[in-house]
PDB file of N, CA and C in Angstrom:
ATOM      1  N   MET A   1       0.817  -1.185   0.000  1.00  0.00           N
ATOM      2  CA  MET A   1       0.000   0.000   0.000  1.00  0.00           C
ATOM      3  C   MET A   1       0.866   1.257   0.000  1.00  0.00           C
ATOM      4  N   LEU A   2       1.911   1.273   0.815  1.00  0.00           N
ATOM      5  CA  LEU A   2       2.764   2.457   0.862  1.00  0.00           C
ATOM      6  C   LEU A   2       3.573   2.630  -0.420  1.00  0.00           C
ATOM      7  N   LYS A   3       3.853   1.538  -1.113  1.00  0.00           N
ATOM      8  CA  LYS A   3       4.643   1.647  -2.342  1.00  0.00           C
ATOM      9  C   LYS A   3       3.840   2.264  -3.470  1.00  0.00           C
ATOM     10  N   THR A   4       2.525   2.110  -3.432  1.00  0.00           N
ATOM     11  CA  THR A   4       1.701   2.651  -4.515  1.00  0.00           C
ATOM     12  C   THR A   4       1.247   4.070  -4.238  1.00  0.00           C
ATOM     13  N   SER A   5       1.369   4.547  -2.998  1.00  0.00           N
ATOM     14  CA  SER A   5       0.939   5.909  -2.694  1.00  0.00           C
ATOM     15  C   SER A   5       2.036   6.905  -3.041  1.00  0.00           C
ATOM     16  N   LYS A   6       1.619   8.157  -3.116  1.00  0.00           N
ATOM     17  CA  LYS A   6       2.549   9.219  -3.490  1.00  0.00           C
ATOM     18  C   LYS A   6       3.497   9.520  -2.335  1.00  0.00           C
ATOM     19  N   LEU A   7       4.593  10.164  -2.665  1.00  0.00           N
ATOM     20  CA  LEU A   7       5.604  10.513  -1.675  1.00  0.00           C
ATOM     21  C   LEU A   7       5.037  11.473  -0.626  1.00  0.00           C
ATOM     22  N   ALA A   8       4.199  12.416  -1.034  1.00  0.00           N
ATOM     23  CA  ALA A   8       3.594  13.373  -0.100  1.00  0.00           C
ATOM     24  C   ALA A   8       2.702  12.653   0.907  1.00  0.00           C
ATOM     25  N   THR A   9       1.983  11.659   0.460  1.00  0.00           N
ATOM     26  CA  THR A   9       1.119  10.890   1.354  1.00  0.00           C
ATOM     27  C   THR A   9       1.952  10.094   2.350  1.00  0.00           C
ATOM     28  N   GLN A  10       3.019   9.506   1.881  1.00  0.00           N
ATOM     29  CA  GLN A  10       3.907   8.755   2.763  1.00  0.00           C
ATOM     30  C   GLN A  10       4.540   9.676   3.809  1.00  0.00           C
ATOM     31  N   PHE A  11       4.959  10.843   3.346  1.00  0.00           N
ATOM     32  CA  PHE A  11       5.573  11.814   4.247  1.00  0.00           C
ATOM     33  C   PHE A  11       4.565  12.290   5.301  1.00  0.00           C
ATOM     34  N   THR A  12       3.341  12.566   4.880  1.00  0.00           N
ATOM     35  CA  THR A  12       2.291  12.999   5.800  1.00  0.00           C
ATOM     36  C   THR A  12       1.981  11.908   6.819  1.00  0.00           C
ATOM     37  N   LEU A  13       1.923  10.676   6.363  1.00  0.00           N
ATOM     38  CA  LEU A  13       1.663   9.557   7.257  1.00  0.00           C
ATOM     39  C   LEU A  13       2.789   9.394   8.281  1.00  0.00           C
ATOM     40  N   LEU A  14       4.023   9.516   7.832  1.00  0.00           N
ATOM     41  CA  LEU A  14       5.168   9.405   8.731  1.00  0.00           C
ATOM     42  C   LEU A  14       5.176  10.530   9.763  1.00  0.00           C
ATOM     43  N   LEU A  15       4.935  11.759   9.327  1.00  0.00           N
ATOM     44  CA  LEU A  15       4.899  12.888  10.258  1.00  0.00           C
ATOM     45  C   LEU A  15       3.742  12.758  11.248  1.00  0.00           C
ATOM     46  N   SER A  16       2.622  12.264  10.783  1.00  0.00           N
ATOM     47  CA  SER A  16       1.480  12.053  11.678  1.00  0.00           C
ATOM     48  C   SER A  16       1.811  11.015  12.742  1.00  0.00           C
ATOM     49  N   LEU A  17       2.465   9.950  12.335  1.00  0.00           N
ATOM     50  CA  LEU A  17       2.862   8.907  13.273  1.00  0.00           C
ATOM     51  C   LEU A  17       3.851   9.445  14.307  1.00  0.00           C
ATOM     52  N   VAL A  18       4.818  10.227  13.862  1.00  0.00           N
ATOM     53  CA  VAL A  18       5.795  10.831  14.776  1.00  0.00           C
ATOM     54  C   VAL A  18       5.102  11.808  15.730  1.00  0.00           C
ATOM     55  N   PHE A  19       4.177  12.599  15.207  1.00  0.00           N
ATOM     56  CA  PHE A  19       3.459  13.573  16.022  1.00  0.00           C
ATOM     57  C   PHE A  19       2.630  12.886  17.109  1.00  0.00           C
ATOM     58  N   VAL A  20       1.884  11.868  16.744  1.00  0.00           N
ATOM     59  CA  VAL A  20       1.055  11.142  17.712  1.00  0.00           C
ATOM     60  C   VAL A  20       1.933  10.457  18.757  1.00  0.00           C
ATOM     61  N   SER A  21       3.030   9.862  18.316  1.00  0.00           N
ATOM     62  CA  SER A  21       3.949   9.211  19.259  1.00  0.00           C
ATOM     63  C   SER A  21       4.531  10.224  20.243  1.00  0.00           C
ATOM     64  N   ALA A  22       4.917  11.386  19.742  1.00  0.00           N
ATOM     65  CA  ALA A  22       5.477  12.425  20.608  1.00  0.00           C
ATOM     66  C   ALA A  22       4.448  12.908  21.626  1.00  0.00           C
ATOM     67  N   ILE A  23       3.208  13.041  21.206  1.00  0.00           N
ATOM     68  CA  ILE A  23       2.160  13.480  22.131  1.00  0.00           C
ATOM     69  C   ILE A  23       1.944  12.438  23.228  1.00  0.00           C
ATOM     70  N   VAL A  24       1.905  11.171  22.855  1.00  0.00           N
ATOM     71  CA  VAL A  24       1.699  10.105  23.842  1.00  0.00           C
ATOM     72  C   VAL A  24       2.862  10.050  24.825  1.00  0.00           C
ATOM     73  N   ILE A  25       4.073  10.106  24.329  1.00  0.00           N
ATOM     74  CA  ILE A  25       5.253  10.033  25.200  1.00  0.00           C
ATOM     75  C   ILE A  25       5.320  11.244  26.126  1.00  0.00           C
ATOM     76  N   SER A  26       5.082  12.439  25.581  1.00  0.00           N
ATOM     77  CA  SER A  26       5.131  13.632  26.430  1.00  0.00           C
ATOM     78  C   SER A  26       4.003  13.618  27.455  1.00  0.00           C
ATOM     79  N   GLY A  27       2.853  13.069  27.103  1.00  0.00           N
ATOM     80  CA  GLY A  27       1.757  12.947  28.062  1.00  0.00           C
ATOM     81  C   GLY A  27       2.116  12.028  29.215  1.00  0.00           C
ATOM     82  N   LEU A  28       2.766  10.914  28.905  1.00  0.00           N
ATOM     83  CA  LEU A  28       3.186   9.989  29.957  1.00  0.00           C
ATOM     84  C   LEU A  28       4.233  10.618  30.876  1.00  0.00           C
ATOM     85  N   VAL A  29       5.189  11.304  30.280  1.00  0.00           N
ATOM     86  CA  VAL A  29       6.242  11.949  31.080  1.00  0.00           C
ATOM     87  C   VAL A  29       5.643  13.036  31.970  1.00  0.00           C
ATOM     88  N   LEU A  30       4.753  13.840  31.406  1.00  0.00           N
ATOM     89  CA  LEU A  30       4.120  14.902  32.182  1.00  0.00           C
ATOM     90  C   LEU A  30       3.261  14.327  33.306  1.00  0.00           C
ATOM     91  N   SER A  31       2.562  13.255  33.029  1.00  0.00           N
ATOM     92  CA  SER A  31       1.729  12.615  34.048  1.00  0.00           C
ATOM     93  C   SER A  31       2.575  12.130  35.219  1.00  0.00           C
ATOM     94  N   ARG A  32       3.673  11.491  34.927  1.00  0.00           N
ATOM     95  CA  ARG A  32       4.543  10.998  36.006  1.00  0.00           C
ATOM     96  C   ARG A  32       5.165  12.153  36.789  1.00  0.00           C
ATOM     97  N   ALA A  33       5.541  13.221  36.096  1.00  0.00           N
ATOM     98  CA  ALA A  33       6.123  14.371  36.788  1.00  0.00           C
ATOM     99  C   ALA A  33       5.098  15.023  37.718  1.00  0.00           C
ATOM    100  N   LEU A  34       3.866  15.159  37.248  1.00  0.00           N
ATOM    101  CA  LEU A  34       2.827  15.753  38.088  1.00  0.00           C
ATOM    102  C   LEU A  34       2.483  14.858  39.273  1.00  0.00           C
ATOM    103  N   GLU A  35       2.481  13.560  39.056  1.00  0.00           N
ATOM    104  CA  GLU A  35       2.206  12.630  40.147  1.00  0.00           C
ATOM    105  C   GLU A  35       3.298  12.706  41.216  1.00  0.00           C
ATOM    106  N   LYS A  36       4.539  12.787  40.788  1.00  0.00           N
ATOM    107  CA  LYS A  36       5.651  12.892  41.741  1.00  0.00           C
ATOM    108  C   LYS A  36       5.566  14.200  42.521  1.00  0.00           C
ATOM    109  N   ARG A  37       5.225  15.278  41.831  1.00  0.00           N
ATOM    110  CA  ARG A  37       5.115  16.570  42.504  1.00  0.00           C
ATOM    111  C   ARG A  37       3.969  16.561  43.515  1.00  0.00           C
ATOM    112  N   ALA A  38       2.861  15.936  43.158  1.00  0.00           N
ATOM    113  CA  ALA A  38       1.732  15.848  44.087  1.00  0.00           C
ATOM    114  C   ALA A  38       2.101  15.030  45.321  1.00  0.00           C
ATOM    115  N   GLU A  39       2.824  13.939  45.136  1.00  0.00           N
ATOM    116  CA  GLU A  39       3.258  13.124  46.276  1.00  0.00           C
ATOM    117  C   GLU A  39       4.192  13.911  47.187  1.00  0.00           C
ATOM    118  N   GLU A  40       5.111  14.666  46.601  1.00  0.00           N
ATOM    119  CA  GLU A  40       6.027  15.476  47.402  1.00  0.00           C
ATOM    120  C   GLU A  40       5.275  16.562  48.162  1.00  0.00           C
ATOM    121  N   ASP A  41       4.273  17.161  47.519  1.00  0.00           N
ATOM    122  CA  ASP A  41       3.489  18.209  48.163  1.00  0.00           C
ATOM    123  C   ASP A  41       2.688  17.651  49.336  1.00  0.00           C
ATOM    124  N   ILE A  42       2.094  16.494  49.149  1.00  0.00           N
ATOM    125  CA  ILE A  42       1.331  15.872  50.228  1.00  0.00           C
ATOM    126  C   ILE A  42       2.249  15.494  51.385  1.00  0.00           C
ATOM    127  N   SER A  43       3.418  14.977  51.071  1.00  0.00           N
ATOM    128  CA  SER A  43       4.381  14.618  52.114  1.00  0.00           C
ATOM    129  C   SER A  43       4.819  15.855  52.890  1.00  0.00           C
ATOM    130  N   TYR A  44       5.079  16.947  52.188  1.00  0.00           N
ATOM    131  CA  TYR A  44       5.494  18.190  52.836  1.00  0.00           C
ATOM    132  C   TYR A  44       4.394  18.716  53.758  1.00  0.00           C
ATOM    133  N   ARG A  45       3.159  18.696  53.265  1.00  0.00           N
ATOM    134  CA  ARG A  45       2.052  19.195  54.086  1.00  0.00           C
ATOM    135  C   ARG A  45       1.836  18.315  55.316  1.00  0.00           C
ATOM    136  N   GLY A  46       2.007  17.024  55.158  1.00  0.00           N
ATOM    137  CA  GLY A  46       1.877  16.118  56.298  1.00  0.00           C
ATOM    138  C   GLY A  46       2.929  16.388  57.357  1.00  0.00           C
ATOM    139  N   GLN A  47       4.160  16.609  56.918  1.00  0.00           N
ATOM    140  CA  GLN A  47       5.233  16.929  57.865  1.00  0.00           C
ATOM    141  C   GLN A  47       4.963  18.259  58.559  1.00  0.00           C
ATOM    142  N   LEU A  48       4.449  19.217  57.808  1.00  0.00           N
ATOM    143  CA  LEU A  48       4.150  20.528  58.373  1.00  0.00           C
ATOM    144  C   LEU A  48       3.068  20.430  59.447  1.00  0.00           C
ATOM    145  N   ILE A  49       2.028  19.673  59.169  1.00  0.00           N
ATOM    146  CA  ILE A  49       0.953  19.497  60.148  1.00  0.00           C
ATOM    147  C   ILE A  49       1.463  18.752  61.377  1.00  0.00           C
ATOM    148  N   SER A  50       2.280  17.745  61.156  1.00  0.00           N
ATOM    149  CA  SER A  50       2.837  16.985  62.279  1.00  0.00           C
ATOM    150  C   SER A  50       3.706  17.874  63.164  1.00  0.00           C
ATOM    151  N   GLU A  51       4.527  18.699  62.566  1.00  0.00           N
ATOM    152  CA  GLU A  51       5.364  19.619  63.341  1.00  0.00           C
ATOM    153  C   GLU A  51       4.519  20.638  64.093  1.00  0.00           C
ATOM    154  N   MET A  52       3.441  21.108  63.462  1.00  0.00           N
ATOM    155  CA  MET A  52       2.566  22.069  64.116  1.00  0.00           C
ATOM    156  C   MET A  52       1.900  21.444  65.341  1.00  0.00           C
ATOM    157  N   ILE A  53       1.416  20.228  65.186  1.00  0.00           N
ATOM    158  CA  ILE A  53       0.760  19.550  66.310  1.00  0.00           C
ATOM    159  C   ILE A  53       1.747  19.310  67.445  1.00  0.00           C
ATOM    160  N   ASN A  54       2.957  18.893  67.108  1.00  0.00           N
ATOM    161  CA  ASN A  54       3.972  18.681  68.145  1.00  0.00           C
ATOM    162  C   ASN A  54       4.328  19.981  68.853  1.00  0.00           C
ATOM    163  N   SER A  55       4.372  21.083  68.111  1.00  0.00           N
ATOM    164  CA  SER A  55       4.662  22.383  68.721  1.00  0.00           C
ATOM    165  C   SER A  55       3.560  22.800  69.685  1.00  0.00           C
ATOM    166  N   VAL A  56       2.319  22.577  69.285  1.00  0.00           N
ATOM    167  CA  VAL A  56       1.199  22.927  70.165  1.00  0.00           C
ATOM    168  C   VAL A  56       1.221  22.065  71.421  1.00  0.00           C
ATOM    169  N   ARG A  57       1.513  20.785  71.257  1.00  0.00           N
ATOM    170  CA  ARG A  57       1.605  19.900  72.427  1.00  0.00           C
ATOM    171  C   ARG A  57       2.715  20.355  73.376  1.00  0.00           C
ATOM    172  N   TYR A  58       3.857  20.687  72.807  1.00  0.00           N
ATOM    173  CA  TYR A  58       4.980  21.132  73.633  1.00  0.00           C
ATOM    174  C   TYR A  58       4.625  22.426  74.365  1.00  0.00           C
ATOM    175  N   TYR A  59       4.038  23.376  73.650  1.00  0.00           N
ATOM    176  CA  TYR A  59       3.670  24.653  74.256  1.00  0.00           C
ATOM    177  C   TYR A  59       2.648  24.450  75.373  1.00  0.00           C
ATOM    178  N   THR A  60       1.668  23.605  75.116  1.00  0.00           N
ATOM    179  CA  THR A  60       0.647  23.348  76.132  1.00  0.00           C
ATOM    180  C   THR A  60       1.249  22.671  77.355  1.00  0.00           C
ATOM    181  N   GLY A  61       2.128  21.713  77.109  1.00  0.00           N
ATOM    182  CA  GLY A  61       2.732  20.989  78.230  1.00  0.00           C
ATOM    183  C   GLY A  61       3.682  21.825  79.055  1.00  0.00           C
ATOM    184  N   THR A  62       4.401  22.744  78.419  1.00  0.00           N
ATOM    185  CA  THR A  62       5.408  23.518  79.153  1.00  0.00           C
ATOM    186  C   THR A  62       4.926  24.888  79.617  1.00  0.00           C
ATOM    187  N   ARG A  63       3.961  25.483  78.924  1.00  0.00           N
ATOM    188  CA  ARG A  63       3.537  26.845  79.267  1.00  0.00           C
ATOM    189  C   ARG A  63       2.118  26.921  79.831  1.00  0.00           C
ATOM    190  N   VAL A  64       1.189  26.253  79.191  1.00  0.00           N
ATOM    191  CA  VAL A  64      -0.212  26.398  79.588  1.00  0.00           C
ATOM    192  C   VAL A  64      -0.548  25.526  80.800  1.00  0.00           C
ATOM    193  N   ALA A  65      -0.135  24.281  80.767  1.00  0.00           N
ATOM    194  CA  ALA A  65      -0.473  23.359  81.863  1.00  0.00           C
ATOM    195  C   ALA A  65       0.011  23.856  83.225  1.00  0.00           C
ATOM    196  N   PRO A  66       1.247  24.362  83.360  1.00  0.00           N
ATOM    197  CA  PRO A  66       1.660  24.865  84.680  1.00  0.00           C
ATOM    198  C   PRO A  66       0.811  26.040  85.172  1.00  0.00           C
ATOM    199  N   LEU A  67       0.313  26.852  84.247  1.00  0.00           N
ATOM    200  CA  LEU A  67      -0.534  27.977  84.657  1.00  0.00           C
ATOM    201  C   LEU A  67      -1.934  27.522  85.080  1.00  0.00           C
ATOM    202  N   LEU A  68      -2.401  26.445  84.492  1.00  0.00           N
ATOM    203  CA  LEU A  68      -3.747  25.964  84.809  1.00  0.00           C
ATOM    204  C   LEU A  68      -3.787  24.959  85.951  1.00  0.00           C
ATOM    205  N   MET A  69      -2.658  24.464  86.391  1.00  0.00           N
ATOM    206  CA  MET A  69      -2.632  23.462  87.461  1.00  0.00           C
ATOM    207  C   MET A  69      -3.282  23.950  88.762  1.00  0.00           C
ATOM    208  N   PRO A  70      -3.059  25.189  89.204  1.00  0.00           N
ATOM    209  CA  PRO A  70      -3.775  25.641  90.415  1.00  0.00           C
ATOM    210  C   PRO A  70      -5.292  25.607  90.240  1.00  0.00           C
ATOM    211  N   LEU A  71      -5.764  25.910  89.044  1.00  0.00           N
ATOM    212  CA  LEU A  71      -7.198  25.859  88.764  1.00  0.00           C
ATOM    213  C   LEU A  71      -7.708  24.422  88.811  1.00  0.00           C
ATOM    214  N   VAL A  72      -6.929  23.500  88.294  1.00  0.00           N
ATOM    215  CA  VAL A  72      -7.315  22.088  88.288  1.00  0.00           C
ATOM    216  C   VAL A  72      -7.378  21.547  89.713  1.00  0.00           C
ATOM    217  N   GLU A  73      -6.440  21.958  90.536  1.00  0.00           N
ATOM    218  CA  GLU A  73      -6.383  21.449  91.911  1.00  0.00           C
ATOM    219  C   GLU A  73      -7.522  21.989  92.780  1.00  0.00           C
ATOM    220  N   THR A  74      -7.983  23.201  92.498  1.00  0.00           N
ATOM    221  CA  THR A  74      -9.046  23.796  93.315  1.00  0.00           C
ATOM    222  C   THR A  74     -10.439  23.533  92.758  1.00  0.00           C
ATOM    223  N   GLN A  75     -10.535  23.238  91.493  1.00  0.00           N
ATOM    224  CA  GLN A  75     -11.837  23.042  90.858  1.00  0.00           C
ATOM    225  C   GLN A  75     -12.165  21.552  90.773  1.00  0.00           C
ATOM    226  N   SER A  76     -13.421  21.230  90.934  1.00  0.00           N
ATOM    227  CA  SER A  76     -13.809  19.817  90.906  1.00  0.00           C
ATOM    228  C   SER A  76     -14.107  19.313  89.493  1.00  0.00           C
ATOM    229  N   THR A  77     -14.218  20.211  88.528  1.00  0.00           N
ATOM    230  CA  THR A  77     -14.495  19.779  87.150  1.00  0.00           C
ATOM    231  C   THR A  77     -13.195  19.573  86.384  1.00  0.00           C
ATOM    232  N   PHE A  78     -13.304  18.784  85.356  1.00  0.00           N
ATOM    233  CA  PHE A  78     -12.144  18.470  84.516  1.00  0.00           C
ATOM    234  C   PHE A  78     -11.860  19.637  83.574  1.00  0.00           C
ATOM    235  N   VAL A  79     -10.604  20.038  83.473  1.00  0.00           N
ATOM    236  CA  VAL A  79     -10.182  21.110  82.571  1.00  0.00           C
ATOM    237  C   VAL A  79      -9.397  20.470  81.425  1.00  0.00           C
ATOM    238  N   PRO A  80     -10.002  20.322  80.243  1.00  0.00           N
ATOM    239  CA  PRO A  80      -9.328  19.613  79.148  1.00  0.00           C
ATOM    240  C   PRO A  80      -8.142  20.375  78.560  1.00  0.00           C
ATOM    241  N   GLU A  81      -8.090  21.678  78.769  1.00  0.00           N
ATOM    242  CA  GLU A  81      -6.996  22.468  78.209  1.00  0.00           C
ATOM    243  C   GLU A  81      -5.645  22.114  78.807  1.00  0.00           C
ATOM    244  N   VAL A  82      -5.629  21.419  79.924  1.00  0.00           N
ATOM    245  CA  VAL A  82      -4.380  21.010  80.569  1.00  0.00           C
ATOM    246  C   VAL A  82      -3.720  19.871  79.792  1.00  0.00           C
ATOM    247  N   ILE A  83      -4.506  19.095  79.088  1.00  0.00           N
ATOM    248  CA  ILE A  83      -4.003  17.939  78.344  1.00  0.00           C
ATOM    249  C   ILE A  83      -3.434  18.418  77.004  1.00  0.00           C
ATOM    250  N   PRO A  84      -2.149  18.174  76.728  1.00  0.00           N
ATOM    251  CA  PRO A  84      -1.539  18.649  75.480  1.00  0.00           C
ATOM    252  C   PRO A  84      -2.197  18.100  74.214  1.00  0.00           C
ATOM    253  N   SER A  85      -2.623  16.859  74.242  1.00  0.00           N
ATOM    254  CA  SER A  85      -3.233  16.296  73.032  1.00  0.00           C
ATOM    255  C   SER A  85      -4.590  16.932  72.738  1.00  0.00           C
ATOM    256  N   PHE A  86      -5.305  17.369  73.768  1.00  0.00           N
ATOM    257  CA  PHE A  86      -6.575  18.059  73.554  1.00  0.00           C
ATOM    258  C   PHE A  86      -6.344  19.372  72.816  1.00  0.00           C
ATOM    259  N   SER A  87      -5.362  20.125  73.254  1.00  0.00           N
ATOM    260  CA  SER A  87      -5.058  21.403  72.598  1.00  0.00           C
ATOM    261  C   SER A  87      -4.630  21.196  71.155  1.00  0.00           C
ATOM    262  N   ALA A  88      -3.815  20.184  70.922  1.00  0.00           N
ATOM    263  CA  ALA A  88      -3.360  19.911  69.556  1.00  0.00           C
ATOM    264  C   ALA A  88      -4.531  19.532  68.664  1.00  0.00           C
ATOM    265  N   ARG A  89      -5.444  18.739  69.192  1.00  0.00           N
ATOM    266  CA  ARG A  89      -6.607  18.333  68.399  1.00  0.00           C
ATOM    267  C   ARG A  89      -7.508  19.531  68.116  1.00  0.00           C
ATOM    268  N   GLU A  90      -7.696  20.395  69.087  1.00  0.00           N
ATOM    269  CA  GLU A  90      -8.530  21.576  68.891  1.00  0.00           C
ATOM    270  C   GLU A  90      -7.926  22.519  67.850  1.00  0.00           C
ATOM    271  N   VAL A  91      -6.629  22.687  67.871  1.00  0.00           N
ATOM    272  CA  VAL A  91      -5.972  23.550  66.883  1.00  0.00           C
ATOM    273  C   VAL A  91      -6.083  22.940  65.493  1.00  0.00           C
ATOM    274  N   PHE A  92      -5.937  21.638  65.414  1.00  0.00           N
ATOM    275  CA  PHE A  92      -5.990  20.956  64.118  1.00  0.00           C
ATOM    276  C   PHE A  92      -7.382  21.029  63.509  1.00  0.00           C
ATOM    277  N   GLU A  93      -8.405  20.922  64.335  1.00  0.00           N
ATOM    278  CA  GLU A  93      -9.775  20.968  63.819  1.00  0.00           C
ATOM    279  C   GLU A  93     -10.150  22.395  63.537  1.00  0.00           C
TER     280      GLU A  93
END
């Protein structure tokens, strides 16, 4: 079939094949690059949230809890703000 067609037709067919192949290959490469970037972004955000929660826990345990301890000792109700994990959860939500 290709031997009986004109040179222009053969050339057009070859260029079309190269063009379609290039589009498919570039699409695959771009897809993988975007997927890798999304994974890195999610990992970064997870680390950031984890560090934030740990900072809130540390601050609550070292600064807030000592200030609220006299209130806890004199009051008969439970004060959840004294617990570092409670503060971290409240900040996160």
